């Protein structure tokens, strides 16, 4: 199975992503800190039995051992453990299946997020399990991947690369930490409270109708990862999802990696207008939390908690159309759509 990112051995993007490294693969790092994320894409070999992702210290202890197994006559399982002072700890196991399944000869992606109290593991963009810290993540000095897989891409994304901590440039919106909070996601009271569209690992092109439309105060949260060969992507807020009808667009955000530009446009009563954002905040293979907040005059946009643009939307321009008439969200392009939530 050919990689979607090409046949370039041990090529490293300027942003740190390593493409098609040979297996076994070892990458030295300074350390891991809370909020850092390891992102791996690849494909298991057709007759694979297992592979290992080991986060090692400089003393060759294994701070975290991640071991998917594919036994022929048994259920597929993910094994987590720690190897300290020459001895293995107690194994933690969870089944592989459903949205987070891994199979022989199939493509996959794996995310390891460093939380304050644990590692959080997601497979195929779906949170699977957590593993409480037995050793400090700061002790990790190497990532060692071995076994019966072919790696498409490998990336360690530092929290400082995703979140601008300058308070002058942040927008004071809730973070996307709810995505990793499995107790909250599975709480019936929380689920009943969220009557608006939401979901995980969404298929593109994606289109959904929004009850009550883009009323003042509406907030849309999106978590995406642009693909390694992404040309760009689009987010649109429209009156309806009828492609053939005359369709006013409150906002269209077009992200182009070729030009490194983000273009905002609107079409109201057959009149169009567009403008470019001053800043380009997206990176290929990098996790991005995108938030749109609706005000009477503007749609305010932030990426990774950084407020970078506000766009005068079509509902304000037309005066004749209530913002609640714009009821369709559409997302398309070369991204992995991890999560959606609205308020």
C-alpha atoms as a PDB file:
ATOM      1  CA  UNK A   1       0.000   0.000   0.000  1.00  0.00           C
ATOM      2  CA  UNK A   2       1.502   3.294  -1.088  1.00  0.00           C
ATOM      3  CA  UNK A   3       1.792   6.219   1.267  1.00  0.00           C
ATOM      4  CA  UNK A   4      -0.319   9.294   0.596  1.00  0.00           C
ATOM      5  CA  UNK A   5       2.669  11.461   1.388  1.00  0.00           C
ATOM      6  CA  UNK A   6       5.041  10.020  -1.182  1.00  0.00           C
ATOM      7  CA  UNK A   7       8.068   7.733  -1.326  1.00  0.00           C
ATOM      8  CA  UNK A   8      10.680  10.036   0.167  1.00  0.00           C
ATOM      9  CA  UNK A   9      12.808   8.150   2.677  1.00  0.00           C
ATOM     10  CA  UNK A  10      13.746   9.938   5.906  1.00  0.00           C
ATOM     11  CA  UNK A  11      12.630  13.316   4.592  1.00  0.00           C
ATOM     12  CA  UNK A  12      11.977  15.926   7.248  1.00  0.00           C
ATOM     13  CA  UNK A  13       9.616  18.848   6.682  1.00  0.00           C
ATOM     14  CA  UNK A  14      10.664  22.253   7.927  1.00  0.00           C
ATOM     15  CA  UNK A  15       7.985  21.984  10.646  1.00  0.00           C
ATOM     16  CA  UNK A  16       9.589  18.783  11.992  1.00  0.00           C
ATOM     17  CA  UNK A  17       7.416  16.082  10.395  1.00  0.00           C
ATOM     18  CA  UNK A  18       9.465  13.076   9.245  1.00  0.00           C
ATOM     19  CA  UNK A  19       8.160  11.315   6.140  1.00  0.00           C
ATOM     20  CA  UNK A  20       8.627   7.597   5.343  1.00  0.00           C
ATOM     21  CA  UNK A  21      11.372   6.786   7.896  1.00  0.00           C
ATOM     22  CA  UNK A  22      12.740   3.256   7.878  1.00  0.00           C
ATOM     23  CA  UNK A  23      11.674   0.821  10.612  1.00  0.00           C
ATOM     24  CA  UNK A  24      13.106   0.329  13.207  1.00  0.00           C
ATOM     25  CA  UNK A  25      12.988   4.085  13.742  1.00  0.00           C
ATOM     26  CA  UNK A  26      14.606   6.093  16.545  1.00  0.00           C
ATOM     27  CA  UNK A  27      14.256   9.822  17.171  1.00  0.00           C
ATOM     28  CA  UNK A  28      16.174  11.633  19.913  1.00  0.00           C
ATOM     29  CA  UNK A  29      14.306  14.434  21.696  1.00  0.00           C
ATOM     30  CA  UNK A  30      15.067  16.856  24.516  1.00  0.00           C
ATOM     31  CA  UNK A  31      12.052  15.892  26.631  1.00  0.00           C
ATOM     32  CA  UNK A  32       8.274  15.692  26.671  1.00  0.00           C
ATOM     33  CA  UNK A  33       6.196  18.258  28.529  1.00  0.00           C
ATOM     34  CA  UNK A  34       2.537  18.477  29.473  1.00  0.00           C
ATOM     35  CA  UNK A  35       0.474  19.334  26.392  1.00  0.00           C
ATOM     36  CA  UNK A  36       2.945  17.855  23.885  1.00  0.00           C
ATOM     37  CA  UNK A  37       1.594  15.416  21.293  1.00  0.00           C
ATOM     38  CA  UNK A  38       3.151  12.596  19.258  1.00  0.00           C
ATOM     39  CA  UNK A  39       1.408  11.933  15.940  1.00  0.00           C
ATOM     40  CA  UNK A  40       2.149   8.772  13.917  1.00  0.00           C
ATOM     41  CA  UNK A  41       0.546   7.626  10.661  1.00  0.00           C
ATOM     42  CA  UNK A  42       1.344   4.380   8.905  1.00  0.00           C
ATOM     43  CA  UNK A  43       0.144   0.982   7.733  1.00  0.00           C
ATOM     44  CA  UNK A  44       0.509  -2.418   9.384  1.00  0.00           C
ATOM     45  CA  UNK A  45       2.049  -5.178   7.274  1.00  0.00           C
ATOM     46  CA  UNK A  46      -0.371  -7.807   5.878  1.00  0.00           C
ATOM     47  CA  UNK A  47       0.881 -10.556   8.217  1.00  0.00           C
ATOM     48  CA  UNK A  48       1.709  -8.318  11.178  1.00  0.00           C
ATOM     49  CA  UNK A  49       1.545  -9.755  14.690  1.00  0.00           C
ATOM     50  CA  UNK A  50       2.526  -6.593  16.612  1.00  0.00           C
ATOM     51  CA  UNK A  51       4.499  -3.376  16.690  1.00  0.00           C
ATOM     52  CA  UNK A  52       5.913  -1.216  19.480  1.00  0.00           C
ATOM     53  CA  UNK A  53       6.127   2.487  20.225  1.00  0.00           C
ATOM     54  CA  UNK A  54       8.502   3.036  23.148  1.00  0.00           C
ATOM     55  CA  UNK A  55       9.191   6.352  24.873  1.00  0.00           C
ATOM     56  CA  UNK A  56      12.631   5.844  26.448  1.00  0.00           C
ATOM     57  CA  UNK A  57      14.741   7.650  29.012  1.00  0.00           C
ATOM     58  CA  UNK A  58      18.483   8.214  28.670  1.00  0.00           C
ATOM     59  CA  UNK A  59      18.952   5.276  31.079  1.00  0.00           C
ATOM     60  CA  UNK A  60      17.073   3.010  28.645  1.00  0.00           C
ATOM     61  CA  UNK A  61      14.022   2.779  30.880  1.00  0.00           C
ATOM     62  CA  UNK A  62      10.742   2.712  28.923  1.00  0.00           C
ATOM     63  CA  UNK A  63       8.533   5.477  30.289  1.00  0.00           C
ATOM     64  CA  UNK A  64       5.663   4.362  28.059  1.00  0.00           C
ATOM     65  CA  UNK A  65       5.360   1.144  26.059  1.00  0.00           C
ATOM     66  CA  UNK A  66       2.545   1.155  23.482  1.00  0.00           C
ATOM     67  CA  UNK A  67       2.075  -2.267  21.895  1.00  0.00           C
ATOM     68  CA  UNK A  68      -0.800  -3.079  19.485  1.00  0.00           C
ATOM     69  CA  UNK A  69      -1.086  -6.850  18.990  1.00  0.00           C
ATOM     70  CA  UNK A  70      -2.853  -8.791  16.236  1.00  0.00           C
ATOM     71  CA  UNK A  71      -2.883 -12.485  17.278  1.00  0.00           C
ATOM     72  CA  UNK A  72      -4.339 -14.804  14.669  1.00  0.00           C
ATOM     73  CA  UNK A  73      -6.814 -16.631  16.889  1.00  0.00           C
ATOM     74  CA  UNK A  74      -7.506 -13.951  19.493  1.00  0.00           C
ATOM     75  CA  UNK A  75      -9.022 -10.504  19.682  1.00  0.00           C
ATOM     76  CA  UNK A  76      -6.818  -7.548  18.786  1.00  0.00           C
ATOM     77  CA  UNK A  77      -5.550  -5.708  21.855  1.00  0.00           C
ATOM     78  CA  UNK A  78      -3.536  -2.629  22.864  1.00  0.00           C
ATOM     79  CA  UNK A  79      -1.011  -3.248  25.646  1.00  0.00           C
ATOM     80  CA  UNK A  80       0.497  -0.396  27.706  1.00  0.00           C
ATOM     81  CA  UNK A  81       3.292  -0.745  30.264  1.00  0.00           C
ATOM     82  CA  UNK A  82       6.429   0.750  31.818  1.00  0.00           C
ATOM     83  CA  UNK A  83       9.901  -0.842  32.044  1.00  0.00           C
ATOM     84  CA  UNK A  84      11.820   0.585  35.002  1.00  0.00           C
ATOM     85  CA  UNK A  85      15.083  -0.542  36.641  1.00  0.00           C
ATOM     86  CA  UNK A  86      15.200  -3.673  34.499  1.00  0.00           C
ATOM     87  CA  UNK A  87      11.673  -4.874  35.250  1.00  0.00           C
ATOM     88  CA  UNK A  88       8.288  -4.560  33.569  1.00  0.00           C
ATOM     89  CA  UNK A  89       5.367  -3.138  35.497  1.00  0.00           C
ATOM     90  CA  UNK A  90       1.762  -4.334  35.426  1.00  0.00           C
ATOM     91  CA  UNK A  91       0.273  -4.473  31.934  1.00  0.00           C
ATOM     92  CA  UNK A  92      -2.755  -2.355  31.067  1.00  0.00           C
ATOM     93  CA  UNK A  93      -4.854  -3.747  28.225  1.00  0.00           C
ATOM     94  CA  UNK A  94      -7.784  -2.554  26.174  1.00  0.00           C
ATOM     95  CA  UNK A  95      -9.488  -4.081  23.163  1.00  0.00           C
ATOM     96  CA  UNK A  96      -9.125  -2.733  19.632  1.00  0.00           C
ATOM     97  CA  UNK A  97     -12.315  -2.477  17.630  1.00  0.00           C
ATOM     98  CA  UNK A  98     -15.003  -0.198  16.287  1.00  0.00           C
ATOM     99  CA  UNK A  99     -13.920   3.372  15.583  1.00  0.00           C
ATOM    100  CA  UNK A 100     -10.426   2.760  16.989  1.00  0.00           C
ATOM    101  CA  UNK A 101      -9.714  -0.584  15.346  1.00  0.00           C
ATOM    102  CA  UNK A 102      -6.319  -1.574  13.936  1.00  0.00           C
ATOM    103  CA  UNK A 103      -6.071  -4.402  11.425  1.00  0.00           C
ATOM    104  CA  UNK A 104      -3.361  -6.204   9.502  1.00  0.00           C
ATOM    105  CA  UNK A 105      -2.571  -4.469   6.210  1.00  0.00           C
ATOM    106  CA  UNK A 106      -4.623  -1.356   7.040  1.00  0.00           C
ATOM    107  CA  UNK A 107      -3.663   2.296   7.428  1.00  0.00           C
ATOM    108  CA  UNK A 108      -3.898   3.897  10.864  1.00  0.00           C
ATOM    109  CA  UNK A 109      -2.958   6.953  12.850  1.00  0.00           C
ATOM    110  CA  UNK A 110      -1.989   7.144  16.503  1.00  0.00           C
ATOM    111  CA  UNK A 111      -1.912  10.163  18.808  1.00  0.00           C
ATOM    112  CA  UNK A 112      -0.138  10.174  22.181  1.00  0.00           C
ATOM    113  CA  UNK A 113      -1.018  13.262  24.207  1.00  0.00           C
ATOM    114  CA  UNK A 114       0.957  14.138  27.361  1.00  0.00           C
ATOM    115  CA  UNK A 115      -1.529  15.125  30.060  1.00  0.00           C
ATOM    116  CA  UNK A 116      -0.631  16.337  33.556  1.00  0.00           C
ATOM    117  CA  UNK A 117      -1.536  13.001  35.162  1.00  0.00           C
ATOM    118  CA  UNK A 118      -1.399  10.522  32.297  1.00  0.00           C
ATOM    119  CA  UNK A 119      -0.735   9.748  28.655  1.00  0.00           C
ATOM    120  CA  UNK A 120      -3.883   9.830  26.495  1.00  0.00           C
ATOM    121  CA  UNK A 121      -3.963   7.519  23.472  1.00  0.00           C
ATOM    122  CA  UNK A 122      -6.128   7.961  20.372  1.00  0.00           C
ATOM    123  CA  UNK A 123      -6.244   5.627  17.374  1.00  0.00           C
ATOM    124  CA  UNK A 124      -7.759   6.651  14.041  1.00  0.00           C
ATOM    125  CA  UNK A 125      -8.687   9.994  15.622  1.00  0.00           C
ATOM    126  CA  UNK A 126     -10.773   8.331  18.359  1.00  0.00           C
ATOM    127  CA  UNK A 127      -9.751   8.490  22.060  1.00  0.00           C
ATOM    128  CA  UNK A 128      -9.058   4.926  23.262  1.00  0.00           C
ATOM    129  CA  UNK A 129      -7.549   4.924  26.740  1.00  0.00           C
ATOM    130  CA  UNK A 130      -5.340   6.676  29.276  1.00  0.00           C
ATOM    131  CA  UNK A 131      -2.221   5.492  31.115  1.00  0.00           C
ATOM    132  CA  UNK A 132      -1.308   7.131  34.422  1.00  0.00           C
ATOM    133  CA  UNK A 133       2.258   8.395  34.705  1.00  0.00           C
ATOM    134  CA  UNK A 134       4.562   5.985  36.528  1.00  0.00           C
ATOM    135  CA  UNK A 135       7.674   7.882  35.428  1.00  0.00           C
ATOM    136  CA  UNK A 136       7.853  11.602  34.617  1.00  0.00           C
ATOM    137  CA  UNK A 137       7.309  12.399  30.919  1.00  0.00           C
ATOM    138  CA  UNK A 138      10.239  14.842  31.145  1.00  0.00           C
ATOM    139  CA  UNK A 139      12.527  11.779  31.352  1.00  0.00           C
ATOM    140  CA  UNK A 140      11.711  10.775  27.754  1.00  0.00           C
ATOM    141  CA  UNK A 141      14.770  11.316  25.522  1.00  0.00           C
ATOM    142  CA  UNK A 142      13.963   9.002  22.604  1.00  0.00           C
ATOM    143  CA  UNK A 143      11.017   7.636  20.649  1.00  0.00           C
ATOM    144  CA  UNK A 144      11.729   4.092  19.410  1.00  0.00           C
ATOM    145  CA  UNK A 145       9.312   2.463  16.919  1.00  0.00           C
ATOM    146  CA  UNK A 146       9.798  -1.136  15.790  1.00  0.00           C
ATOM    147  CA  UNK A 147       7.824  -4.086  14.524  1.00  0.00           C
ATOM    148  CA  UNK A 148       5.744  -5.031  11.523  1.00  0.00           C
ATOM    149  CA  UNK A 149       4.642  -1.632  10.225  1.00  0.00           C
ATOM    150  CA  UNK A 150       5.531   0.940   7.621  1.00  0.00           C
ATOM    151  CA  UNK A 151       5.556   4.533   8.897  1.00  0.00           C
ATOM    152  CA  UNK A 152       4.036   7.208   6.665  1.00  0.00           C
ATOM    153  CA  UNK A 153       4.772  10.180   8.908  1.00  0.00           C
ATOM    154  CA  UNK A 154       6.038  10.983  12.392  1.00  0.00           C
ATOM    155  CA  UNK A 155       5.670  14.277  14.231  1.00  0.00           C
ATOM    156  CA  UNK A 156       6.229  15.542  17.770  1.00  0.00           C
ATOM    157  CA  UNK A 157       4.178  18.670  18.248  1.00  0.00           C
ATOM    158  CA  UNK A 158       5.151  20.842  21.195  1.00  0.00           C
ATOM    159  CA  UNK A 159       2.460  22.689  23.107  1.00  0.00           C
ATOM    160  CA  UNK A 160       4.351  25.931  22.465  1.00  0.00           C
ATOM    161  CA  UNK A 161       3.878  25.357  18.705  1.00  0.00           C
ATOM    162  CA  UNK A 162       0.085  25.032  19.058  1.00  0.00           C
ATOM    163  CA  UNK A 163      -0.857  27.602  21.663  1.00  0.00           C
ATOM    164  CA  UNK A 164       0.172  31.252  21.724  1.00  0.00           C
ATOM    165  CA  UNK A 165       0.504  32.057  25.420  1.00  0.00           C
ATOM    166  CA  UNK A 166       0.666  35.814  24.886  1.00  0.00           C
ATOM    167  CA  UNK A 167      -2.532  36.952  26.625  1.00  0.00           C
ATOM    168  CA  UNK A 168      -2.751  39.970  24.335  1.00  0.00           C
ATOM    169  CA  UNK A 169      -3.435  37.721  21.352  1.00  0.00           C
ATOM    170  CA  UNK A 170      -5.807  35.194  22.937  1.00  0.00           C
ATOM    171  CA  UNK A 171      -9.573  35.345  22.719  1.00  0.00           C
ATOM    172  CA  UNK A 172     -10.764  33.967  26.039  1.00  0.00           C
ATOM    173  CA  UNK A 173     -12.752  30.994  24.712  1.00  0.00           C
ATOM    174  CA  UNK A 174     -13.061  27.529  26.283  1.00  0.00           C
ATOM    175  CA  UNK A 175     -10.346  25.090  25.215  1.00  0.00           C
ATOM    176  CA  UNK A 176     -10.941  21.826  23.355  1.00  0.00           C
ATOM    177  CA  UNK A 177      -9.908  19.688  26.352  1.00  0.00           C
ATOM    178  CA  UNK A 178     -13.484  18.271  26.426  1.00  0.00           C
ATOM    179  CA  UNK A 179     -12.524  16.180  23.375  1.00  0.00           C
ATOM    180  CA  UNK A 180     -10.168  14.080  25.514  1.00  0.00           C
ATOM    181  CA  UNK A 181     -12.474  13.938  28.584  1.00  0.00           C
ATOM    182  CA  UNK A 182     -14.104  10.553  28.047  1.00  0.00           C
ATOM    183  CA  UNK A 183     -16.135  10.745  31.265  1.00  0.00           C
ATOM    184  CA  UNK A 184     -17.682  14.019  30.121  1.00  0.00           C
ATOM    185  CA  UNK A 185     -18.305  12.785  26.578  1.00  0.00           C
ATOM    186  CA  UNK A 186     -20.085   9.676  27.921  1.00  0.00           C
ATOM    187  CA  UNK A 187     -22.079  11.509  30.602  1.00  0.00           C
ATOM    188  CA  UNK A 188     -25.792  11.362  29.572  1.00  0.00           C
ATOM    189  CA  UNK A 189     -26.439  14.735  31.186  1.00  0.00           C
ATOM    190  CA  UNK A 190     -23.678  16.286  29.083  1.00  0.00           C
ATOM    191  CA  UNK A 191     -24.904  14.568  25.931  1.00  0.00           C
ATOM    192  CA  UNK A 192     -28.488  15.705  26.517  1.00  0.00           C
ATOM    193  CA  UNK A 193     -27.284  19.236  27.054  1.00  0.00           C
ATOM    194  CA  UNK A 194     -25.600  19.308  23.644  1.00  0.00           C
ATOM    195  CA  UNK A 195     -28.573  19.233  21.261  1.00  0.00           C
ATOM    196  CA  UNK A 196     -26.566  20.903  18.495  1.00  0.00           C
ATOM    197  CA  UNK A 197     -24.531  18.963  15.904  1.00  0.00           C
ATOM    198  CA  UNK A 198     -21.370  17.365  17.268  1.00  0.00           C
ATOM    199  CA  UNK A 199     -19.208  14.382  16.457  1.00  0.00           C
ATOM    200  CA  UNK A 200     -15.790  12.780  16.136  1.00  0.00           C
ATOM    201  CA  UNK A 201     -13.745  11.506  13.190  1.00  0.00           C
ATOM    202  CA  UNK A 202     -16.082  13.106  10.634  1.00  0.00           C
ATOM    203  CA  UNK A 203     -16.013  12.254   6.917  1.00  0.00           C
ATOM    204  CA  UNK A 204     -15.314  14.971   4.331  1.00  0.00           C
ATOM    205  CA  UNK A 205     -16.926  16.667   2.531  1.00  0.00           C
ATOM    206  CA  UNK A 206     -19.039  17.349   5.606  1.00  0.00           C
ATOM    207  CA  UNK A 207     -22.382  19.199   5.681  1.00  0.00           C
ATOM    208  CA  UNK A 208     -24.798  19.677   8.573  1.00  0.00           C
ATOM    209  CA  UNK A 209     -27.805  21.870   9.351  1.00  0.00           C
ATOM    210  CA  UNK A 210     -27.656  23.982  12.522  1.00  0.00           C
ATOM    211  CA  UNK A 211     -30.859  24.300  14.582  1.00  0.00           C
ATOM    212  CA  UNK A 212     -31.653  28.006  15.096  1.00  0.00           C
ATOM    213  CA  UNK A 213     -28.844  28.831  12.671  1.00  0.00           C
ATOM    214  CA  UNK A 214     -26.018  31.268  13.349  1.00  0.00           C
ATOM    215  CA  UNK A 215     -27.750  33.246  16.075  1.00  0.00           C
ATOM    216  CA  UNK A 216     -25.822  35.903  17.983  1.00  0.00           C
ATOM    217  CA  UNK A 217     -23.545  34.227  20.520  1.00  0.00           C
ATOM    218  CA  UNK A 218     -23.213  30.965  18.580  1.00  0.00           C
ATOM    219  CA  UNK A 219     -19.786  29.301  18.970  1.00  0.00           C
ATOM    220  CA  UNK A 220     -18.482  26.547  16.676  1.00  0.00           C
ATOM    221  CA  UNK A 221     -15.484  24.468  17.792  1.00  0.00           C
ATOM    222  CA  UNK A 222     -13.569  22.380  15.251  1.00  0.00           C
ATOM    223  CA  UNK A 223     -10.482  20.206  15.692  1.00  0.00           C
ATOM    224  CA  UNK A 224      -8.627  19.354  12.482  1.00  0.00           C
ATOM    225  CA  UNK A 225      -5.242  18.109  11.252  1.00  0.00           C
ATOM    226  CA  UNK A 226      -4.251  19.125   7.694  1.00  0.00           C
ATOM    227  CA  UNK A 227      -2.835  16.135   5.809  1.00  0.00           C
ATOM    228  CA  UNK A 228       0.839  15.877   4.873  1.00  0.00           C
ATOM    229  CA  UNK A 229       0.136  16.756   1.231  1.00  0.00           C
ATOM    230  CA  UNK A 230      -2.754  19.131   1.934  1.00  0.00           C
ATOM    231  CA  UNK A 231      -3.453  21.816  -0.666  1.00  0.00           C
ATOM    232  CA  UNK A 232      -5.937  23.491   1.640  1.00  0.00           C
ATOM    233  CA  UNK A 233      -9.474  23.352   2.983  1.00  0.00           C
ATOM    234  CA  UNK A 234     -12.707  25.366   3.198  1.00  0.00           C
ATOM    235  CA  UNK A 235     -15.261  26.162   5.889  1.00  0.00           C
ATOM    236  CA  UNK A 236     -18.592  27.707   4.796  1.00  0.00           C
ATOM    237  CA  UNK A 237     -21.652  29.021   6.615  1.00  0.00           C
ATOM    238  CA  UNK A 238     -24.590  29.132   4.176  1.00  0.00           C
ATOM    239  CA  UNK A 239     -28.371  29.490   4.178  1.00  0.00           C
ATOM    240  CA  UNK A 240     -28.931  25.886   3.088  1.00  0.00           C
ATOM    241  CA  UNK A 241     -27.171  22.847   1.632  1.00  0.00           C
ATOM    242  CA  UNK A 242     -28.797  22.995  -1.814  1.00  0.00           C
ATOM    243  CA  UNK A 243     -25.896  23.254  -4.259  1.00  0.00           C
ATOM    244  CA  UNK A 244     -28.177  24.173  -7.168  1.00  0.00           C
ATOM    245  CA  UNK A 245     -30.162  26.958  -5.496  1.00  0.00           C
ATOM    246  CA  UNK A 246     -29.137  30.608  -5.209  1.00  0.00           C
ATOM    247  CA  UNK A 247     -27.460  30.381  -1.845  1.00  0.00           C
ATOM    248  CA  UNK A 248     -26.300  33.338   0.226  1.00  0.00           C
ATOM    249  CA  UNK A 249     -23.068  32.647   2.124  1.00  0.00           C
ATOM    250  CA  UNK A 250     -22.495  34.338   5.444  1.00  0.00           C
ATOM    251  CA  UNK A 251     -18.816  33.355   5.480  1.00  0.00           C
ATOM    252  CA  UNK A 252     -16.422  31.229   3.464  1.00  0.00           C
ATOM    253  CA  UNK A 253     -12.931  30.639   4.874  1.00  0.00           C
ATOM    254  CA  UNK A 254     -10.493  29.272   2.284  1.00  0.00           C
ATOM    255  CA  UNK A 255      -7.105  28.087   3.533  1.00  0.00           C
ATOM    256  CA  UNK A 256      -4.372  27.625   0.893  1.00  0.00           C
ATOM    257  CA  UNK A 257      -1.029  25.997   1.707  1.00  0.00           C
ATOM    258  CA  UNK A 258       0.260  26.871  -1.769  1.00  0.00           C
ATOM    259  CA  UNK A 259      -0.048  30.622  -1.184  1.00  0.00           C
ATOM    260  CA  UNK A 260       0.064  30.543   2.646  1.00  0.00           C
ATOM    261  CA  UNK A 261      -3.072  32.660   2.674  1.00  0.00           C
ATOM    262  CA  UNK A 262      -6.445  32.539   4.419  1.00  0.00           C
ATOM    263  CA  UNK A 263      -9.204  34.207   2.391  1.00  0.00           C
ATOM    264  CA  UNK A 264     -12.564  35.187   3.854  1.00  0.00           C
ATOM    265  CA  UNK A 265     -15.497  35.952   1.564  1.00  0.00           C
ATOM    266  CA  UNK A 266     -19.265  36.373   1.619  1.00  0.00           C
ATOM    267  CA  UNK A 267     -22.020  36.384  -1.011  1.00  0.00           C
ATOM    268  CA  UNK A 268     -25.247  38.211  -0.181  1.00  0.00           C
ATOM    269  CA  UNK A 269     -28.000  38.961  -2.685  1.00  0.00           C
ATOM    270  CA  UNK A 270     -25.636  38.065  -5.557  1.00  0.00           C
ATOM    271  CA  UNK A 271     -23.017  40.551  -4.318  1.00  0.00           C
ATOM    272  CA  UNK A 272     -19.641  39.207  -3.201  1.00  0.00           C
ATOM    273  CA  UNK A 273     -16.794  40.575  -1.122  1.00  0.00           C
ATOM    274  CA  UNK A 274     -13.529  39.099   0.098  1.00  0.00           C
ATOM    275  CA  UNK A 275     -10.496  39.895   2.239  1.00  0.00           C
ATOM    276  CA  UNK A 276      -7.258  38.209   3.348  1.00  0.00           C
ATOM    277  CA  UNK A 277      -6.235  37.496   6.918  1.00  0.00           C
ATOM    278  CA  UNK A 278      -2.936  39.041   8.005  1.00  0.00           C
ATOM    279  CA  UNK A 279      -1.657  35.832   9.599  1.00  0.00           C
ATOM    280  CA  UNK A 280      -1.333  32.213   8.429  1.00  0.00           C
ATOM    281  CA  UNK A 281      -1.568  29.898  11.435  1.00  0.00           C
ATOM    282  CA  UNK A 282      -2.040  26.403   9.971  1.00  0.00           C
ATOM    283  CA  UNK A 283       0.663  23.743   9.471  1.00  0.00           C
ATOM    284  CA  UNK A 284       0.482  20.428   7.693  1.00  0.00           C
ATOM    285  CA  UNK A 285       0.211  17.436  10.056  1.00  0.00           C
ATOM    286  CA  UNK A 286      -0.299  19.856  12.969  1.00  0.00           C
ATOM    287  CA  UNK A 287      -3.304  19.687  15.266  1.00  0.00           C
ATOM    288  CA  UNK A 288      -5.445  22.855  15.070  1.00  0.00           C
ATOM    289  CA  UNK A 289      -8.341  23.958  17.276  1.00  0.00           C
ATOM    290  CA  UNK A 290     -10.484  26.390  15.261  1.00  0.00           C
ATOM    291  CA  UNK A 291     -13.200  28.474  16.935  1.00  0.00           C
ATOM    292  CA  UNK A 292     -15.800  30.690  15.241  1.00  0.00           C
ATOM    293  CA  UNK A 293     -17.733  33.065  17.505  1.00  0.00           C
ATOM    294  CA  UNK A 294     -20.795  34.920  16.228  1.00  0.00           C
ATOM    295  CA  UNK A 295     -21.421  38.565  17.138  1.00  0.00           C
ATOM    296  CA  UNK A 296     -23.972  41.022  15.801  1.00  0.00           C
ATOM    297  CA  UNK A 297     -21.538  42.364  13.203  1.00  0.00           C
ATOM    298  CA  UNK A 298     -18.589  39.969  12.991  1.00  0.00           C
ATOM    299  CA  UNK A 299     -17.572  36.332  13.027  1.00  0.00           C
ATOM    300  CA  UNK A 300     -14.489  36.205  15.247  1.00  0.00           C
ATOM    301  CA  UNK A 301     -12.005  33.451  14.390  1.00  0.00           C
ATOM    302  CA  UNK A 302      -9.289  31.930  16.563  1.00  0.00           C
ATOM    303  CA  UNK A 303      -6.799  29.122  15.934  1.00  0.00           C
ATOM    304  CA  UNK A 304      -5.187  27.371  18.901  1.00  0.00           C
ATOM    305  CA  UNK A 305      -6.535  30.053  21.248  1.00  0.00           C
ATOM    306  CA  UNK A 306      -5.067  32.874  19.167  1.00  0.00           C
ATOM    307  CA  UNK A 307      -7.615  35.383  17.872  1.00  0.00           C
ATOM    308  CA  UNK A 308      -6.290  36.252  14.420  1.00  0.00           C
ATOM    309  CA  UNK A 309      -9.206  37.654  12.393  1.00  0.00           C
ATOM    310  CA  UNK A 310     -12.757  38.989  12.515  1.00  0.00           C
ATOM    311  CA  UNK A 311     -14.911  39.065   9.402  1.00  0.00           C
ATOM    312  CA  UNK A 312     -18.023  41.200   8.839  1.00  0.00           C
ATOM    313  CA  UNK A 313     -20.551  38.502   8.032  1.00  0.00           C
ATOM    314  CA  UNK A 314     -23.295  38.371   5.428  1.00  0.00           C
ATOM    315  CA  UNK A 315     -26.132  38.570   7.933  1.00  0.00           C
ATOM    316  CA  UNK A 316     -24.987  42.015   9.050  1.00  0.00           C
ATOM    317  CA  UNK A 317     -24.376  43.236   5.498  1.00  0.00           C
ATOM    318  CA  UNK A 318     -27.772  42.219   4.121  1.00  0.00           C
ATOM    319  CA  UNK A 319     -29.844  43.731   6.975  1.00  0.00           C
ATOM    320  CA  UNK A 320     -32.814  41.840   5.444  1.00  0.00           C
ATOM    321  CA  UNK A 321     -31.666  38.368   6.501  1.00  0.00           C
ATOM    322  CA  UNK A 322     -31.718  37.300  10.126  1.00  0.00           C
ATOM    323  CA  UNK A 323     -28.506  35.522  11.067  1.00  0.00           C
ATOM    324  CA  UNK A 324     -30.619  32.524  12.122  1.00  0.00           C
ATOM    325  CA  UNK A 325     -31.464  31.988   8.425  1.00  0.00           C
ATOM    326  CA  UNK A 326     -27.867  30.840   7.850  1.00  0.00           C
ATOM    327  CA  UNK A 327     -28.221  27.237   8.967  1.00  0.00           C
ATOM    328  CA  UNK A 328     -25.703  25.143   7.033  1.00  0.00           C
ATOM    329  CA  UNK A 329     -22.080  24.373   7.978  1.00  0.00           C
ATOM    330  CA  UNK A 330     -19.897  22.802   5.287  1.00  0.00           C
ATOM    331  CA  UNK A 331     -16.283  21.628   5.594  1.00  0.00           C
ATOM    332  CA  UNK A 332     -14.191  20.234   2.738  1.00  0.00           C
ATOM    333  CA  UNK A 333     -10.575  19.776   1.685  1.00  0.00           C
ATOM    334  CA  UNK A 334      -7.424  17.948   2.708  1.00  0.00           C
ATOM    335  CA  UNK A 335      -7.826  17.663   6.474  1.00  0.00           C
ATOM    336  CA  UNK A 336      -8.631  15.049   9.077  1.00  0.00           C
ATOM    337  CA  UNK A 337     -11.762  16.291  10.858  1.00  0.00           C
ATOM    338  CA  UNK A 338     -11.230  15.110  14.431  1.00  0.00           C
ATOM    339  CA  UNK A 339     -14.093  16.762  16.288  1.00  0.00           C
ATOM    340  CA  UNK A 340     -16.983  19.220  16.089  1.00  0.00           C
ATOM    341  CA  UNK A 341     -18.982  20.911  18.820  1.00  0.00           C
ATOM    342  CA  UNK A 342     -21.373  23.879  18.883  1.00  0.00           C
ATOM    343  CA  UNK A 343     -22.808  26.078  21.592  1.00  0.00           C
END
